[in-house]
Amino acid sequence: MFKNLTAAVIVQKGLLIESENLYLAIPQNHFGGSHLWTRAFRLSFGMDVEAGVPAWRTRGLASLDLYEQTALLFKDIIPEKHRQVIGNTLQLIATFKTKDEQR
């Protein structure tokens, strides 16, 4: 999911890939370090960690955040025929997060 969401953002934003070595830096530089997409991106890939939280948990939850943030970025360009699937997925993510917070 990380790889495909990153590629989708790079293509949709029309970001030039000058070098494969810069591939991961391109969207981060575009959005900036404080953007929610960048935070989810970094945590889901394991570039950043959260103290006292197992890496699998941080990366898993961040991957869900990355999906949500990417859906927000694309909300105005998502074709109607895909909106229901994405909406259902976002609802499942929200339900999971609510249950997870109650633990």
PDB file of N, CA and C in Angstrom:
ATOM      1  N   MET A   1       0.820  -1.179   0.000  1.00  0.00           N
ATOM      2  CA  MET A   1       0.000   0.000   0.000  1.00  0.00           C
ATOM      3  C   MET A   1       0.873   1.255   0.000  1.00  0.00           C
ATOM      4  N   PHE A   2       1.936   1.229   0.787  1.00  0.00           N
ATOM      5  CA  PHE A   2       2.844   2.380   0.867  1.00  0.00           C
ATOM      6  C   PHE A   2       3.379   2.740  -0.520  1.00  0.00           C
ATOM      7  N   LYS A   3       3.857   1.743  -1.218  1.00  0.00           N
ATOM      8  CA  LYS A   3       4.463   1.967  -2.536  1.00  0.00           C
ATOM      9  C   LYS A   3       3.455   2.545  -3.526  1.00  0.00           C
ATOM     10  N   ASN A   4       2.267   1.972  -3.589  1.00  0.00           N
ATOM     11  CA  ASN A   4       1.269   2.410  -4.560  1.00  0.00           C
ATOM     12  C   ASN A   4       0.683   3.777  -4.223  1.00  0.00           C
ATOM     13  N   LEU A   5       0.468   4.056  -2.954  1.00  0.00           N
ATOM     14  CA  LEU A   5      -0.046   5.378  -2.578  1.00  0.00           C
ATOM     15  C   LEU A   5       0.991   6.455  -2.863  1.00  0.00           C
ATOM     16  N   THR A   6       2.248   6.143  -2.617  1.00  0.00           N
ATOM     17  CA  THR A   6       3.324   7.099  -2.912  1.00  0.00           C
ATOM     18  C   THR A   6       3.400   7.368  -4.407  1.00  0.00           C
ATOM     19  N   ALA A   7       3.359   6.322  -5.203  1.00  0.00           N
ATOM     20  CA  ALA A   7       3.410   6.488  -6.667  1.00  0.00           C
ATOM     21  C   ALA A   7       2.215   7.286  -7.165  1.00  0.00           C
ATOM     22  N   ALA A   8       1.039   7.015  -6.612  1.00  0.00           N
ATOM     23  CA  ALA A   8      -0.162   7.738  -7.034  1.00  0.00           C
ATOM     24  C   ALA A   8      -0.030   9.232  -6.750  1.00  0.00           C
ATOM     25  N   VAL A   9       0.502   9.570  -5.590  1.00  0.00           N
ATOM     26  CA  VAL A   9       0.669  10.982  -5.227  1.00  0.00           C
ATOM     27  C   VAL A   9       1.695  11.649  -6.134  1.00  0.00           C
ATOM     28  N   ILE A  10       2.800  10.981  -6.384  1.00  0.00           N
ATOM     29  CA  ILE A  10       3.841  11.554  -7.243  1.00  0.00           C
ATOM     30  C   ILE A  10       3.290  11.817  -8.644  1.00  0.00           C
ATOM     31  N   VAL A  11       2.546  10.857  -9.187  1.00  0.00           N
ATOM     32  CA  VAL A  11       1.992  11.020 -10.531  1.00  0.00           C
ATOM     33  C   VAL A  11       0.903  12.087 -10.549  1.00  0.00           C
ATOM     34  N   GLN A  12      -0.038  12.026  -9.602  1.00  0.00           N
ATOM     35  CA  GLN A  12      -1.160  12.961  -9.596  1.00  0.00           C
ATOM     36  C   GLN A  12      -0.695  14.404  -9.405  1.00  0.00           C
ATOM     37  N   LYS A  13       0.325  14.599  -8.594  1.00  0.00           N
ATOM     38  CA  LYS A  13       0.834  15.948  -8.356  1.00  0.00           C
ATOM     39  C   LYS A  13       1.797  16.399  -9.457  1.00  0.00           C
ATOM     40  N   GLY A  14       2.134  15.483 -10.382  1.00  0.00           N
ATOM     41  CA  GLY A  14       3.021  15.829 -11.487  1.00  0.00           C
ATOM     42  C   GLY A  14       4.444  16.115 -11.041  1.00  0.00           C
ATOM     43  N   LEU A  15       4.897  15.378 -10.038  1.00  0.00           N
ATOM     44  CA  LEU A  15       6.234  15.604  -9.488  1.00  0.00           C
ATOM     45  C   LEU A  15       7.284  14.889 -10.329  1.00  0.00           C
ATOM     46  N   LEU A  16       8.293  15.608 -10.718  1.00  0.00           N
ATOM     47  CA  LEU A  16       9.359  15.068 -11.554  1.00  0.00           C
ATOM     48  C   LEU A  16      10.279  14.172 -10.726  1.00  0.00           C
ATOM     49  N   ILE A  17      10.527  12.974 -11.235  1.00  0.00           N
ATOM     50  CA  ILE A  17      11.459  12.052 -10.586  1.00  0.00           C
ATOM     51  C   ILE A  17      12.799  12.225 -11.287  1.00  0.00           C
ATOM     52  N   GLU A  18      13.633  13.045 -10.694  1.00  0.00           N
ATOM     53  CA  GLU A  18      14.927  13.341 -11.293  1.00  0.00           C
ATOM     54  C   GLU A  18      15.904  12.184 -11.138  1.00  0.00           C
ATOM     55  N   SER A  19      15.735  11.427 -10.060  1.00  0.00           N
ATOM     56  CA  SER A  19      16.620  10.305  -9.785  1.00  0.00           C
ATOM     57  C   SER A  19      15.883   9.312  -8.901  1.00  0.00           C
ATOM     58  N   GLU A  20      16.089   8.030  -9.159  1.00  0.00           N
ATOM     59  CA  GLU A  20      15.482   7.007  -8.320  1.00  0.00           C
ATOM     60  C   GLU A  20      15.932   7.150  -6.875  1.00  0.00           C
ATOM     61  N   ASN A  21      17.130   7.671  -6.679  1.00  0.00           N
ATOM     62  CA  ASN A  21      17.658   7.870  -5.327  1.00  0.00           C
ATOM     63  C   ASN A  21      16.861   8.910  -4.543  1.00  0.00           C
ATOM     64  N   LEU A  22      16.140   9.786  -5.242  1.00  0.00           N
ATOM     65  CA  LEU A  22      15.365  10.843  -4.588  1.00  0.00           C
ATOM     66  C   LEU A  22      13.878  10.492  -4.476  1.00  0.00           C
ATOM     67  N   TYR A  23      13.503   9.313  -4.928  1.00  0.00           N
ATOM     68  CA  TYR A  23      12.090   8.938  -5.023  1.00  0.00           C
ATOM     69  C   TYR A  23      11.322   9.177  -3.718  1.00  0.00           C
ATOM     70  N   LEU A  24      11.882   8.761  -2.594  1.00  0.00           N
ATOM     71  CA  LEU A  24      11.180   8.907  -1.327  1.00  0.00           C
ATOM     72  C   LEU A  24      11.190  10.340  -0.814  1.00  0.00           C
ATOM     73  N   ALA A  25      12.161  11.123  -1.235  1.00  0.00           N
ATOM     74  CA  ALA A  25      12.254  12.513  -0.793  1.00  0.00           C
ATOM     75  C   ALA A  25      11.301  13.424  -1.567  1.00  0.00           C
ATOM     76  N   ILE A  26      10.937  13.056  -2.775  1.00  0.00           N
ATOM     77  CA  ILE A  26      10.143  13.925  -3.649  1.00  0.00           C
ATOM     78  C   ILE A  26       8.800  14.324  -3.024  1.00  0.00           C
ATOM     79  N   PRO A  27       7.961  13.376  -2.592  1.00  0.00           N
ATOM     80  CA  PRO A  27       6.683  13.817  -2.020  1.00  0.00           C
ATOM     81  C   PRO A  27       6.849  14.536  -0.679  1.00  0.00           C
ATOM     82  N   GLN A  28       7.858  14.142   0.091  1.00  0.00           N
ATOM     83  CA  GLN A  28       8.098  14.814   1.369  1.00  0.00           C
ATOM     84  C   GLN A  28       8.480  16.275   1.149  1.00  0.00           C
ATOM     85  N   ASN A  29       9.330  16.509   0.174  1.00  0.00           N
ATOM     86  CA  ASN A  29       9.727  17.874  -0.146  1.00  0.00           C
ATOM     87  C   ASN A  29       8.546  18.678  -0.689  1.00  0.00           C
ATOM     88  N   HIS A  30       7.699  18.019  -1.458  1.00  0.00           N
ATOM     89  CA  HIS A  30       6.537  18.696  -2.029  1.00  0.00           C
ATOM     90  C   HIS A  30       5.571  19.170  -0.936  1.00  0.00           C
ATOM     91  N   PHE A  31       5.231  18.276  -0.003  1.00  0.00           N
ATOM     92  CA  PHE A  31       4.254  18.599   1.032  1.00  0.00           C
ATOM     93  C   PHE A  31       4.860  19.316   2.235  1.00  0.00           C
ATOM     94  N   GLY A  32       6.112  19.058   2.514  1.00  0.00           N
ATOM     95  CA  GLY A  32       6.745  19.638   3.693  1.00  0.00           C
ATOM     96  C   GLY A  32       6.664  18.691   4.882  1.00  0.00           C
ATOM     97  N   GLY A  33       7.536  18.896   5.832  1.00  0.00           N
ATOM     98  CA  GLY A  33       7.652  17.989   6.969  1.00  0.00           C
ATOM     99  C   GLY A  33       6.487  17.995   7.938  1.00  0.00           C
ATOM    100  N   SER A  34       5.703  19.062   7.976  1.00  0.00           N
ATOM    101  CA  SER A  34       4.614  19.138   8.957  1.00  0.00           C
ATOM    102  C   SER A  34       3.262  18.673   8.398  1.00  0.00           C
ATOM    103  N   HIS A  35       3.209  18.327   7.127  1.00  0.00           N
ATOM    104  CA  HIS A  35       1.955  17.880   6.501  1.00  0.00           C
ATOM    105  C   HIS A  35       1.569  16.505   7.040  1.00  0.00           C
ATOM    106  N   LEU A  36       0.278  16.285   7.251  1.00  0.00           N
ATOM    107  CA  LEU A  36      -0.189  15.001   7.775  1.00  0.00           C
ATOM    108  C   LEU A  36       0.142  13.836   6.850  1.00  0.00           C
ATOM    109  N   TRP A  37       0.120  14.075   5.532  1.00  0.00           N
ATOM    110  CA  TRP A  37       0.486  13.013   4.598  1.00  0.00           C
ATOM    111  C   TRP A  37       1.940  12.606   4.815  1.00  0.00           C
ATOM    112  N   THR A  38       2.823  13.593   4.976  1.00  0.00           N
ATOM    113  CA  THR A  38       4.246  13.310   5.173  1.00  0.00           C
ATOM    114  C   THR A  38       4.473  12.531   6.465  1.00  0.00           C
ATOM    115  N   ARG A  39       3.770  12.919   7.530  1.00  0.00           N
ATOM    116  CA  ARG A  39       3.925  12.208   8.807  1.00  0.00           C
ATOM    117  C   ARG A  39       3.508  10.744   8.655  1.00  0.00           C
ATOM    118  N   ALA A  40       2.354  10.512   8.034  1.00  0.00           N
ATOM    119  CA  ALA A  40       1.886   9.141   7.832  1.00  0.00           C
ATOM    120  C   ALA A  40       2.848   8.365   6.938  1.00  0.00           C
ATOM    121  N   PHE A  41       3.342   9.011   5.902  1.00  0.00           N
ATOM    122  CA  PHE A  41       4.307   8.415   4.973  1.00  0.00           C
ATOM    123  C   PHE A  41       5.550   7.948   5.726  1.00  0.00           C
ATOM    124  N   ARG A  42       6.126   8.830   6.522  1.00  0.00           N
ATOM    125  CA  ARG A  42       7.366   8.517   7.238  1.00  0.00           C
ATOM    126  C   ARG A  42       7.162   7.406   8.271  1.00  0.00           C
ATOM    127  N   LEU A  43       6.061   7.470   9.009  1.00  0.00           N
ATOM    128  CA  LEU A  43       5.788   6.442  10.015  1.00  0.00           C
ATOM    129  C   LEU A  43       5.486   5.094   9.365  1.00  0.00           C
ATOM    130  N   SER A  44       4.723   5.104   8.282  1.00  0.00           N
ATOM    131  CA  SER A  44       4.360   3.832   7.643  1.00  0.00           C
ATOM    132  C   SER A  44       5.566   3.139   7.020  1.00  0.00           C
ATOM    133  N   PHE A  45       6.516   3.897   6.564  1.00  0.00           N
ATOM    134  CA  PHE A  45       7.722   3.324   5.963  1.00  0.00           C
ATOM    135  C   PHE A  45       8.764   2.949   7.004  1.00  0.00           C
ATOM    136  N   GLY A  46       8.616   3.441   8.228  1.00  0.00           N
ATOM    137  CA  GLY A  46       9.563   3.143   9.289  1.00  0.00           C
ATOM    138  C   GLY A  46      10.696   4.147   9.374  1.00  0.00           C
ATOM    139  N   MET A  47      10.555   5.287   8.699  1.00  0.00           N
ATOM    140  CA  MET A  47      11.579   6.334   8.775  1.00  0.00           C
ATOM    141  C   MET A  47      11.574   6.999  10.141  1.00  0.00           C
ATOM    142  N   ASP A  48      10.401   7.094  10.737  1.00  0.00           N
ATOM    143  CA  ASP A  48      10.243   7.641  12.077  1.00  0.00           C
ATOM    144  C   ASP A  48       9.630   6.564  12.955  1.00  0.00           C
ATOM    145  N   VAL A  49       9.789   6.708  14.245  1.00  0.00           N
ATOM    146  CA  VAL A  49       9.216   5.759  15.202  1.00  0.00           C
ATOM    147  C   VAL A  49       8.500   6.542  16.295  1.00  0.00           C
ATOM    148  N   GLU A  50       7.654   5.853  17.021  1.00  0.00           N
ATOM    149  CA  GLU A  50       6.992   6.430  18.174  1.00  0.00           C
ATOM    150  C   GLU A  50       7.517   5.709  19.403  1.00  0.00           C
ATOM    151  N   ALA A  51       8.026   6.475  20.350  1.00  0.00           N
ATOM    152  CA  ALA A  51       8.625   5.899  21.556  1.00  0.00           C
ATOM    153  C   ALA A  51       7.606   5.040  22.307  1.00  0.00           C
ATOM    154  N   GLY A  52       8.042   3.862  22.706  1.00  0.00           N
ATOM    155  CA  GLY A  52       7.210   2.977  23.510  1.00  0.00           C
ATOM    156  C   GLY A  52       6.121   2.241  22.749  1.00  0.00           C
ATOM    157  N   VAL A  53       6.091   2.373  21.436  1.00  0.00           N
ATOM    158  CA  VAL A  53       5.078   1.691  20.620  1.00  0.00           C
ATOM    159  C   VAL A  53       5.799   0.723  19.690  1.00  0.00           C
ATOM    160  N   PRO A  54       5.351  -0.543  19.647  1.00  0.00           N
ATOM    161  CA  PRO A  54       6.003  -1.495  18.739  1.00  0.00           C
ATOM    162  C   PRO A  54       5.949  -0.998  17.288  1.00  0.00           C
ATOM    163  N   ALA A  55       7.012  -1.261  16.556  1.00  0.00           N
ATOM    164  CA  ALA A  55       7.113  -0.790  15.170  1.00  0.00           C
ATOM    165  C   ALA A  55       5.964  -1.306  14.314  1.00  0.00           C
ATOM    166  N   TRP A  56       5.556  -2.556  14.496  1.00  0.00           N
ATOM    167  CA  TRP A  56       4.479  -3.114  13.678  1.00  0.00           C
ATOM    168  C   TRP A  56       3.190  -2.338  13.880  1.00  0.00           C
ATOM    169  N   ARG A  57       2.963  -1.910  15.107  1.00  0.00           N
ATOM    170  CA  ARG A  57       1.734  -1.160  15.417  1.00  0.00           C
ATOM    171  C   ARG A  57       1.793   0.243  14.805  1.00  0.00           C
ATOM    172  N   THR A  58       2.910   0.913  15.010  1.00  0.00           N
ATOM    173  CA  THR A  58       3.085   2.255  14.454  1.00  0.00           C
ATOM    174  C   THR A  58       2.936   2.224  12.944  1.00  0.00           C
ATOM    175  N   ARG A  59       3.624   1.305  12.306  1.00  0.00           N
ATOM    176  CA  ARG A  59       3.600   1.244  10.842  1.00  0.00           C
ATOM    177  C   ARG A  59       2.229   0.849  10.316  1.00  0.00           C
ATOM    178  N   GLY A  60       1.546  -0.059  11.010  1.00  0.00           N
ATOM    179  CA  GLY A  60       0.213  -0.471  10.580  1.00  0.00           C
ATOM    180  C   GLY A  60      -0.794   0.663  10.662  1.00  0.00           C
ATOM    181  N   LEU A  61      -0.827   1.346  11.798  1.00  0.00           N
ATOM    182  CA  LEU A  61      -1.757   2.467  11.952  1.00  0.00           C
ATOM    183  C   LEU A  61      -1.403   3.616  11.012  1.00  0.00           C
ATOM    184  N   ALA A  62      -0.117   3.850  10.819  1.00  0.00           N
ATOM    185  CA  ALA A  62       0.312   4.915   9.912  1.00  0.00           C
ATOM    186  C   ALA A  62      -0.073   4.593   8.469  1.00  0.00           C
ATOM    187  N   SER A  63      -0.072   3.329   8.097  1.00  0.00           N
ATOM    188  CA  SER A  63      -0.498   2.942   6.744  1.00  0.00           C
ATOM    189  C   SER A  63      -1.975   3.260   6.531  1.00  0.00           C
ATOM    190  N   LEU A  64      -2.764   3.051   7.572  1.00  0.00           N
ATOM    191  CA  LEU A  64      -4.177   3.425   7.482  1.00  0.00           C
ATOM    192  C   LEU A  64      -4.316   4.943   7.375  1.00  0.00           C
ATOM    193  N   ASP A  65      -3.507   5.665   8.143  1.00  0.00           N
ATOM    194  CA  ASP A  65      -3.501   7.134   8.048  1.00  0.00           C
ATOM    195  C   ASP A  65      -3.092   7.589   6.649  1.00  0.00           C
ATOM    196  N   LEU A  66      -2.114   6.915   6.069  1.00  0.00           N
ATOM    197  CA  LEU A  66      -1.643   7.274   4.730  1.00  0.00           C
ATOM    198  C   LEU A  66      -2.762   7.093   3.702  1.00  0.00           C
ATOM    199  N   TYR A  67      -3.522   6.033   3.835  1.00  0.00           N
ATOM    200  CA  TYR A  67      -4.670   5.818   2.944  1.00  0.00           C
ATOM    201  C   TYR A  67      -5.669   6.957   3.103  1.00  0.00           C
ATOM    202  N   GLU A  68      -5.981   7.298   4.353  1.00  0.00           N
ATOM    203  CA  GLU A  68      -6.932   8.384   4.608  1.00  0.00           C
ATOM    204  C   GLU A  68      -6.440   9.714   4.039  1.00  0.00           C
ATOM    205  N   GLN A  69      -5.183  10.020   4.280  1.00  0.00           N
ATOM    206  CA  GLN A  69      -4.629  11.288   3.810  1.00  0.00           C
ATOM    207  C   GLN A  69      -4.583  11.350   2.281  1.00  0.00           C
ATOM    208  N   THR A  70      -4.269  10.235   1.658  1.00  0.00           N
ATOM    209  CA  THR A  70      -4.240  10.194   0.191  1.00  0.00           C
ATOM    210  C   THR A  70      -5.651  10.360  -0.369  1.00  0.00           C
ATOM    211  N   ALA A  71      -6.628   9.724   0.264  1.00  0.00           N
ATOM    212  CA  ALA A  71      -8.017   9.892  -0.165  1.00  0.00           C
ATOM    213  C   ALA A  71      -8.448  11.354  -0.046  1.00  0.00           C
ATOM    214  N   LEU A  72      -8.020  12.023   1.011  1.00  0.00           N
ATOM    215  CA  LEU A  72      -8.332  13.454   1.166  1.00  0.00           C
ATOM    216  C   LEU A  72      -7.696  14.286   0.056  1.00  0.00           C
ATOM    217  N   LEU A  73      -6.444  13.974  -0.259  1.00  0.00           N
ATOM    218  CA  LEU A  73      -5.766  14.708  -1.328  1.00  0.00           C
ATOM    219  C   LEU A  73      -6.474  14.548  -2.671  1.00  0.00           C
ATOM    220  N   PHE A  74      -7.035  13.372  -2.901  1.00  0.00           N
ATOM    221  CA  PHE A  74      -7.650  13.043  -4.184  1.00  0.00           C
ATOM    222  C   PHE A  74      -9.165  13.218  -4.194  1.00  0.00           C
ATOM    223  N   LYS A  75      -9.757  13.727  -3.116  1.00  0.00           N
ATOM    224  CA  LYS A  75     -11.218  13.741  -2.986  1.00  0.00           C
ATOM    225  C   LYS A  75     -11.935  14.416  -4.152  1.00  0.00           C
ATOM    226  N   ASP A  76     -11.328  15.409  -4.743  1.00  0.00           N
ATOM    227  CA  ASP A  76     -11.980  16.127  -5.842  1.00  0.00           C
ATOM    228  C   ASP A  76     -11.761  15.495  -7.219  1.00  0.00           C
ATOM    229  N   ILE A  77     -10.888  14.512  -7.298  1.00  0.00           N
ATOM    230  CA  ILE A  77     -10.602  13.908  -8.605  1.00  0.00           C
ATOM    231  C   ILE A  77     -10.949  12.425  -8.684  1.00  0.00           C
ATOM    232  N   ILE A  78     -11.429  11.864  -7.583  1.00  0.00           N
ATOM    233  CA  ILE A  78     -11.797  10.441  -7.586  1.00  0.00           C
ATOM    234  C   ILE A  78     -13.053  10.256  -8.431  1.00  0.00           C
ATOM    235  N   PRO A  79     -12.993   9.367  -9.432  1.00  0.00           N
ATOM    236  CA  PRO A  79     -14.177   9.127 -10.266  1.00  0.00           C
ATOM    237  C   PRO A  79     -15.340   8.580  -9.425  1.00  0.00           C
ATOM    238  N   GLU A  80     -16.522   8.949  -9.802  1.00  0.00           N
ATOM    239  CA  GLU A  80     -17.729   8.544  -9.077  1.00  0.00           C
ATOM    240  C   GLU A  80     -17.796   7.025  -8.878  1.00  0.00           C
ATOM    241  N   LYS A  81     -17.389   6.270  -9.897  1.00  0.00           N
ATOM    242  CA  LYS A  81     -17.492   4.809  -9.807  1.00  0.00           C
ATOM    243  C   LYS A  81     -16.592   4.210  -8.724  1.00  0.00           C
ATOM    244  N   HIS A  82     -15.616   4.972  -8.213  1.00  0.00           N
ATOM    245  CA  HIS A  82     -14.713   4.472  -7.166  1.00  0.00           C
ATOM    246  C   HIS A  82     -15.040   5.031  -5.784  1.00  0.00           C
ATOM    247  N   ARG A  83     -15.897   6.007  -5.719  1.00  0.00           N
ATOM    248  CA  ARG A  83     -16.171   6.684  -4.445  1.00  0.00           C
ATOM    249  C   ARG A  83     -16.771   5.761  -3.384  1.00  0.00           C
ATOM    250  N   GLN A  84     -17.642   4.861  -3.782  1.00  0.00           N
ATOM    251  CA  GLN A  84     -18.272   3.973  -2.807  1.00  0.00           C
ATOM    252  C   GLN A  84     -17.239   3.042  -2.165  1.00  0.00           C
ATOM    253  N   VAL A  85     -16.358   2.485  -2.958  1.00  0.00           N
ATOM    254  CA  VAL A  85     -15.344   1.576  -2.426  1.00  0.00           C
ATOM    255  C   VAL A  85     -14.409   2.329  -1.470  1.00  0.00           C
ATOM    256  N   ILE A  86     -13.982   3.507  -1.886  1.00  0.00           N
ATOM    257  CA  ILE A  86     -13.087   4.300  -1.042  1.00  0.00           C
ATOM    258  C   ILE A  86     -13.813   4.741   0.220  1.00  0.00           C
ATOM    259  N   GLY A  87     -15.062   5.168   0.078  1.00  0.00           N
ATOM    260  CA  GLY A  87     -15.855   5.559   1.247  1.00  0.00           C
ATOM    261  C   GLY A  87     -16.034   4.414   2.226  1.00  0.00           C
ATOM    262  N   ASN A  88     -16.307   3.221   1.714  1.00  0.00           N
ATOM    263  CA  ASN A  88     -16.448   2.040   2.579  1.00  0.00           C
ATOM    264  C   ASN A  88     -15.132   1.729   3.292  1.00  0.00           C
ATOM    265  N   THR A  89     -14.042   1.847   2.563  1.00  0.00           N
ATOM    266  CA  THR A  89     -12.729   1.586   3.162  1.00  0.00           C
ATOM    267  C   THR A  89     -12.430   2.596   4.260  1.00  0.00           C
ATOM    268  N   LEU A  90     -12.723   3.856   4.007  1.00  0.00           N
ATOM    269  CA  LEU A  90     -12.508   4.889   5.030  1.00  0.00           C
ATOM    270  C   LEU A  90     -13.376   4.635   6.260  1.00  0.00           C
ATOM    271  N   GLN A  91     -14.590   4.152   6.046  1.00  0.00           N
ATOM    272  CA  GLN A  91     -15.465   3.829   7.182  1.00  0.00           C
ATOM    273  C   GLN A  91     -14.902   2.654   7.984  1.00  0.00           C
ATOM    274  N   LEU A  92     -14.403   1.641   7.303  1.00  0.00           N
ATOM    275  CA  LEU A  92     -13.798   0.501   7.994  1.00  0.00           C
ATOM    276  C   LEU A  92     -12.578   0.945   8.810  1.00  0.00           C
ATOM    277  N   ILE A  93     -11.780   1.825   8.236  1.00  0.00           N
ATOM    278  CA  ILE A  93     -10.609   2.336   8.951  1.00  0.00           C
ATOM    279  C   ILE A  93     -11.053   3.094  10.196  1.00  0.00           C
ATOM    280  N   ALA A  94     -12.050   3.954  10.059  1.00  0.00           N
ATOM    281  CA  ALA A  94     -12.550   4.730  11.203  1.00  0.00           C
ATOM    282  C   ALA A  94     -13.094   3.811  12.292  1.00  0.00           C
ATOM    283  N   THR A  95     -13.842   2.785  11.899  1.00  0.00           N
ATOM    284  CA  THR A  95     -14.384   1.831  12.864  1.00  0.00           C
ATOM    285  C   THR A  95     -13.261   1.096  13.587  1.00  0.00           C
ATOM    286  N   PHE A  96     -12.261   0.652  12.832  1.00  0.00           N
ATOM    287  CA  PHE A  96     -11.126  -0.038  13.442  1.00  0.00           C
ATOM    288  C   PHE A  96     -10.417   0.861  14.440  1.00  0.00           C
ATOM    289  N   LYS A  97     -10.161   2.102  14.055  1.00  0.00           N
ATOM    290  CA  LYS A  97      -9.452   3.033  14.942  1.00  0.00           C
ATOM    291  C   LYS A  97     -10.245   3.303  16.216  1.00  0.00           C
ATOM    292  N   THR A  98     -11.550   3.419  16.097  1.00  0.00           N
ATOM    293  CA  THR A  98     -12.394   3.645  17.273  1.00  0.00           C
ATOM    294  C   THR A  98     -12.298   2.465  18.220  1.00  0.00           C
ATOM    295  N   LYS A  99     -12.404   1.252  17.693  1.00  0.00           N
ATOM    296  CA  LYS A  99     -12.295   0.048  18.525  1.00  0.00           C
ATOM    297  C   LYS A  99     -10.906  -0.065  19.124  1.00  0.00           C
ATOM    298  N   ASP A 100      -9.890   0.281  18.350  1.00  0.00           N
ATOM    299  CA  ASP A 100      -8.509   0.193  18.813  1.00  0.00           C
ATOM    300  C   ASP A 100      -8.259   1.163  19.966  1.00  0.00           C
ATOM    301  N   GLU A 101      -8.823   2.359  19.894  1.00  0.00           N
ATOM    302  CA  GLU A 101      -8.654   3.352  20.954  1.00  0.00           C
ATOM    303  C   GLU A 101      -9.334   2.928  22.246  1.00  0.00           C
ATOM    304  N   GLN A 102     -10.364   2.113  22.157  1.00  0.00           N
ATOM    305  CA  GLN A 102     -11.106   1.658  23.333  1.00  0.00           C
ATOM    306  C   GLN A 102     -10.365   0.554  24.079  1.00  0.00           C
ATOM    307  N   ARG A 103      -9.337   0.008  23.488  1.00  0.00           N
ATOM    308  CA  ARG A 103      -8.583  -1.075  24.147  1.00  0.00           C
ATOM    309  C   ARG A 103      -7.689  -0.535  25.224  1.00  0.00           C
TER     310      ARG A 103
END
